[in-house]
Protein backbone atom coordinates (compact mmCIF):
# COMPACT_ATOMS: atom_id res chain seq x y z
CA MET A 1 160.95 -111.77 -168.77
CA ALA A 2 157.82 -113.98 -170.11
CA ARG A 3 157.98 -114.66 -173.82
CA SER A 4 154.54 -113.00 -174.17
CA GLN A 5 156.25 -109.58 -172.36
CA ARG A 6 159.09 -109.77 -175.05
CA LEU A 7 156.57 -110.15 -177.70
CA ILE A 8 154.66 -106.74 -176.45
CA GLN A 9 158.01 -105.19 -176.36
CA THR A 10 158.91 -106.09 -179.93
CA LEU A 11 155.72 -104.96 -181.18
CA LYS A 12 156.29 -101.54 -179.38
CA GLN A 13 159.70 -101.45 -181.21
CA GLN A 14 157.98 -102.33 -184.87
CA LEU A 15 155.29 -99.52 -184.20
CA LYS A 16 158.09 -97.13 -183.37
CA VAL A 17 160.09 -98.20 -186.52
CA ARG A 18 156.98 -97.61 -188.72
CA LYS A 19 156.35 -94.31 -186.92
CA ILE A 20 152.65 -95.57 -185.67
CA THR A 21 151.90 -93.85 -182.64
CA TYR A 22 149.46 -95.23 -180.06
CA ARG A 23 146.90 -92.38 -181.40
CA LYS A 24 147.17 -93.60 -185.09
CA LEU A 25 146.91 -97.10 -183.71
CA ALA A 26 143.86 -96.07 -181.86
CA GLU A 27 142.07 -94.68 -184.86
CA GLN A 28 142.93 -98.00 -186.77
CA LEU A 29 141.57 -100.16 -183.96
CA ASN A 30 138.35 -97.91 -182.91
CA LEU A 31 139.66 -97.56 -179.81
CA THR A 32 140.69 -94.53 -177.45
CA GLU A 33 144.46 -93.63 -176.95
CA SER A 34 144.09 -93.92 -173.40
CA ALA A 35 142.83 -97.46 -173.82
CA ILE A 36 145.82 -98.33 -176.14
CA LYS A 37 148.33 -96.86 -173.63
CA GLN A 38 146.54 -99.04 -170.73
CA MET A 39 146.95 -102.10 -172.85
CA PHE A 40 150.40 -101.73 -173.33
CA ALA A 41 151.23 -100.58 -169.90
CA SER A 42 149.60 -103.93 -168.23
CA ASN A 43 151.10 -106.21 -170.95
CA ASN A 44 147.80 -107.19 -171.55
CA LEU A 45 147.07 -107.94 -175.06
CA SER A 46 144.39 -110.58 -176.25
CA LEU A 47 145.72 -112.99 -178.84
CA LYS A 48 142.99 -111.33 -181.46
CA ARG A 49 144.42 -107.87 -180.28
CA LEU A 50 147.68 -108.96 -181.12
CA ASP A 51 146.67 -110.52 -184.58
CA ASP A 52 144.99 -106.99 -185.60
CA ILE A 53 147.81 -104.68 -184.27
CA CYS A 54 150.37 -107.48 -186.47
CA GLU A 55 148.24 -107.02 -189.69
CA ILE A 56 148.23 -103.14 -189.32
CA LEU A 57 152.17 -103.79 -189.27
CA ASP A 58 151.89 -106.21 -192.34
CA LEU A 59 153.38 -108.96 -190.08
CA GLU A 60 152.26 -112.48 -189.49
CA LEU A 61 152.67 -113.45 -185.59
CA THR A 62 155.26 -116.13 -186.46
CA ASP A 63 157.29 -113.09 -187.71
CA LEU A 64 157.03 -111.21 -184.49
CA ALA A 65 158.24 -113.86 -182.92
CA ALA A 66 161.23 -114.41 -185.11
CA ILE A 67 161.99 -110.86 -184.28
CA THR A 68 161.42 -111.39 -180.85
CA ASP A 69 163.82 -114.61 -180.74
CA ASP A 70 166.49 -112.52 -183.04
CA SER A 71 166.65 -109.64 -180.71
CA THR A 72 166.78 -111.69 -177.46
CA PRO A 73 170.34 -111.92 -176.08
CA LYS A 74 172.37 -114.88 -176.67
CA LEU A 75 174.74 -116.62 -174.81
CA SER A 76 178.35 -116.37 -176.33
CA GLN A 77 180.73 -118.19 -173.65
CA LEU A 78 179.70 -119.78 -170.34
CA SER A 79 181.53 -119.18 -166.89
CA LEU A 80 184.33 -121.51 -166.13
CA GLU A 81 182.43 -122.54 -162.96
CA ASN A 82 179.44 -123.63 -165.49
CA GLU A 83 181.49 -125.38 -167.90
CA LYS A 84 182.71 -127.36 -164.75
CA LYS A 85 179.53 -128.16 -163.79
CA LEU A 86 178.83 -129.62 -167.16
CA ILE A 87 181.72 -131.75 -167.04
CA SER A 88 181.14 -133.04 -163.92
CA ASP A 89 177.79 -134.59 -164.80
CA THR A 90 177.76 -136.77 -167.80
CA ARG A 91 174.06 -136.45 -167.84
CA LEU A 92 173.80 -132.75 -167.69
CA LEU A 93 175.99 -132.49 -170.52
CA LEU A 94 174.38 -135.07 -172.59
CA VAL A 95 171.17 -132.98 -171.97
CA ALA A 96 172.97 -129.72 -173.09
CA TYR A 97 174.47 -131.32 -175.85
CA CYS A 98 170.83 -132.29 -177.03
CA VAL A 99 168.71 -129.12 -176.26
CA MET A 100 171.79 -127.23 -178.07
CA ASN A 101 170.92 -129.21 -181.25
CA GLY A 102 167.49 -129.16 -181.32
CA TRP A 103 166.07 -131.94 -179.42
CA SER A 104 162.84 -131.64 -177.58
CA LEU A 105 162.23 -133.12 -173.99
CA GLN A 106 160.36 -135.94 -175.33
CA GLU A 107 163.14 -136.81 -177.91
CA VAL A 108 165.97 -136.69 -175.03
CA TYR A 109 164.24 -138.89 -172.63
CA LYS A 110 162.91 -141.17 -175.43
CA TYR A 111 166.40 -141.72 -176.84
CA TYR A 112 168.70 -141.68 -173.81
CA GLU A 113 168.50 -143.86 -170.61
CA ILE A 114 167.08 -140.96 -168.65
CA SER A 115 163.83 -140.51 -166.93
CA LYS A 116 161.46 -137.52 -168.00
CA ALA A 117 161.77 -136.27 -164.19
CA GLU A 118 165.72 -136.39 -164.66
CA CYS A 119 165.67 -134.68 -167.78
CA ILE A 120 163.29 -131.78 -166.72
CA HIS A 121 165.65 -131.24 -163.72
CA TYR A 122 168.88 -131.11 -165.71
CA LEU A 123 166.92 -128.53 -168.14
CA ALA A 124 166.37 -126.17 -165.08
CA GLN A 125 169.91 -126.37 -164.31
CA LEU A 126 170.43 -125.37 -167.91
CA ASP A 127 168.10 -122.55 -167.43
CA LYS A 128 169.93 -121.05 -164.70
CA MET A 129 173.04 -121.09 -166.69
CA LYS A 130 171.30 -119.13 -169.34
CA MET A 131 171.80 -121.52 -171.87
CA ILE A 132 168.29 -122.31 -172.30
CA ASP A 133 165.08 -120.56 -171.99
CA LEU A 134 162.79 -123.29 -170.38
CA GLN A 135 159.15 -122.51 -171.41
CA VAL A 136 155.60 -123.51 -170.24
CA ASN A 137 155.11 -127.42 -170.62
CA ASN A 138 158.85 -127.85 -170.45
CA ARG A 139 159.29 -126.43 -173.99
CA VAL A 140 162.85 -125.44 -174.61
CA ARG A 141 164.41 -122.39 -176.84
CA SER A 142 167.86 -122.26 -176.88
CA LEU A 143 169.71 -119.12 -175.84
CA ILE A 144 173.42 -119.88 -177.68
CA SER A 145 174.56 -117.53 -180.09
CA HIS A 146 175.89 -118.54 -183.51
CA ASN A 147 179.53 -117.41 -182.15
CA PHE A 148 179.23 -119.29 -179.05
CA GLU A 149 183.06 -120.49 -177.66
CA TRP A 150 184.15 -122.56 -175.03
CA HIS A 151 187.07 -121.14 -172.80
CA PRO A 152 190.21 -122.16 -174.79
CA ASN A 153 192.07 -124.57 -172.48
CA GLY A 154 189.26 -124.43 -169.91
CA PRO A 155 187.35 -127.74 -168.64
CA ILE A 156 185.36 -128.64 -171.93
CA GLU A 157 188.20 -128.16 -174.21
CA SER A 158 190.41 -129.90 -171.83
CA PHE A 159 187.61 -132.80 -171.67
CA PHE A 160 187.73 -132.68 -175.59
CA ARG A 161 191.29 -133.26 -175.97
CA LYS A 162 191.72 -136.07 -173.20
CA GLN A 163 188.97 -137.94 -174.33
CA VAL A 164 186.99 -136.84 -177.43
CA GLN A 165 189.65 -136.14 -179.71
CA THR A 166 191.32 -139.55 -179.60
CA GLN A 167 188.16 -141.49 -180.00
CA PHE A 168 187.19 -139.06 -183.00
CA PHE A 169 190.33 -139.41 -184.81
CA ASN A 170 190.30 -143.55 -184.38
CA SER A 171 188.75 -144.00 -187.56
CA ASP A 172 189.55 -144.64 -191.16
CA PHE A 173 187.04 -142.62 -192.14
CA SER A 174 185.82 -144.68 -194.92
CA GLY A 175 182.41 -145.04 -194.32
CA GLU A 176 179.19 -143.25 -195.43
CA SER A 177 179.51 -139.59 -195.42
CA GLU A 178 182.92 -139.58 -193.92
CA LEU A 179 185.80 -137.93 -194.97
CA ARG A 180 189.26 -137.08 -193.78
CA LEU A 181 191.63 -134.97 -195.79
CA VAL A 182 195.37 -134.47 -194.95
CA LYS A 183 197.33 -132.20 -196.90
CA ASN A 184 200.77 -131.31 -196.62
CA GLY A 185 203.09 -128.61 -198.30
CA GLY A 186 205.26 -125.43 -198.13
CA ILE A 187 202.87 -122.50 -198.62
CA SER A 188 203.41 -119.04 -197.60
CA MET A 189 201.53 -116.83 -195.14
CA GLU A 190 199.45 -115.16 -197.44
CA SER A 191 198.17 -118.77 -198.63
CA ILE A 192 197.47 -119.61 -195.22
CA HIS A 193 195.67 -116.53 -194.39
CA LYS A 194 193.40 -117.57 -197.39
CA LEU A 195 192.72 -121.02 -196.45
CA ASN A 196 191.93 -119.74 -192.56
CA ASP A 197 189.16 -117.56 -194.31
CA ARG A 198 187.62 -120.60 -196.28
CA LEU A 199 187.94 -122.86 -193.43
CA SER A 200 186.06 -120.41 -191.37
CA ALA A 201 183.35 -120.08 -194.12
CA ILE A 202 182.87 -123.66 -193.94
CA GLY A 203 182.54 -123.40 -190.29
CA ASP A 204 179.92 -120.83 -190.62
CA LEU A 205 178.25 -123.18 -193.04
CA PHE A 206 177.65 -126.07 -191.03
CA GLU A 207 176.50 -123.62 -188.01
CA GLU A 208 173.82 -122.56 -190.38
CA LEU A 209 173.12 -125.88 -191.73
CA ASN A 210 172.82 -127.17 -187.98
CA HIS A 211 170.34 -124.21 -187.68
CA GLU A 212 168.13 -125.18 -190.47
CA ASP A 213 168.13 -128.66 -189.37
CA SER A 214 167.13 -128.18 -185.76
CA LYS A 215 163.62 -127.58 -187.48
CA LYS A 216 163.53 -131.47 -188.16
CA SER A 217 162.80 -134.20 -186.34
CA SER A 218 165.84 -135.94 -184.39
CA ARG A 219 165.19 -139.12 -186.77
CA GLN A 220 165.95 -137.27 -189.61
CA ARG A 221 169.18 -135.77 -188.21
CA ASN A 222 172.77 -137.32 -187.16
CA GLY A 223 175.04 -136.65 -184.43
CA THR A 224 177.69 -135.44 -186.67
CA THR A 225 181.17 -133.75 -185.47
CA MET A 226 183.46 -131.73 -188.08
CA VAL A 227 187.12 -130.89 -187.03
CA LEU A 228 188.75 -127.97 -189.25
CA ALA A 229 192.23 -127.47 -188.32
CA ILE A 230 195.37 -125.84 -189.81
CA ARG A 231 198.97 -124.85 -188.29
CA ARG A 232 202.28 -124.66 -188.83
CA TRP A 233 203.94 -128.19 -188.47
CA GLU A 234 206.17 -130.67 -189.02
CA PHE A 235 206.85 -134.54 -188.37
CA GLN A 236 208.61 -134.63 -185.02
CA ILE A 237 211.00 -136.89 -186.79
CA PHE A 238 211.86 -134.62 -189.52
CA ARG A 239 212.44 -131.87 -187.16
CA LYS A 240 215.17 -134.06 -184.96
CA LEU A 241 217.37 -134.34 -188.41
CA GLU A 242 217.29 -130.84 -188.88
CA ARG A 243 220.76 -129.16 -188.36
CA GLN A 244 220.30 -126.54 -185.37
CA SER A 245 221.07 -123.42 -187.42
CA ASN A 246 218.10 -124.17 -189.88
CA LYS A 247 215.33 -125.18 -187.11
CA LYS A 248 212.12 -122.95 -187.65
CA ALA A 249 210.76 -120.99 -184.87
CA SER A 250 207.66 -122.97 -183.51
């Protein structure tokens, strides 16, 4: 569905929520009820008319657009087939990473060794995967849900473990804005659950800030990875010294 049609659908919903009938709307716009019905049935509203109706609803056009975007179904997980497609083409994976983080078409091909034509080709593929909505003039709107997840042990996670994870941890984390915390101790399951809740909240904060900063230019943003992990784990060298009767279940 075109973005303009989605806006009109949202407009209808907002009229219904506010209990404004077509008859009431017609009276306020000095039109006939049949004209209003025809206008909505044909999905043909001028920008001026759209603005007039928004004023009656006490909404800005930007508010209507935001409500429309929020109500649009978002993708929470790719198919395994599409994960494989991403991994099979490094440039496709690169473009996907960029647009998921709010980069524009121009920012992508200016920053990386990839032509504009190639970039548009990859955007079209991401549009088919329902990861983005490729709009007029190659503008991009992400369709990725805030709770998006890769398949456990799927192509992307396997790629991360084999290639990304090792590179990421190959650092002393002493640079500007870098931090690595390693804590070890014996704590109860109750405390572990509390820590899991806190770590999940930090993950949510990361997503929230990432969404807010996506409105800034790519020059103001830095590619950033945060890994939060906690599990029952002991050094293997210590486990080897345990008596068999004392070994804890994994």
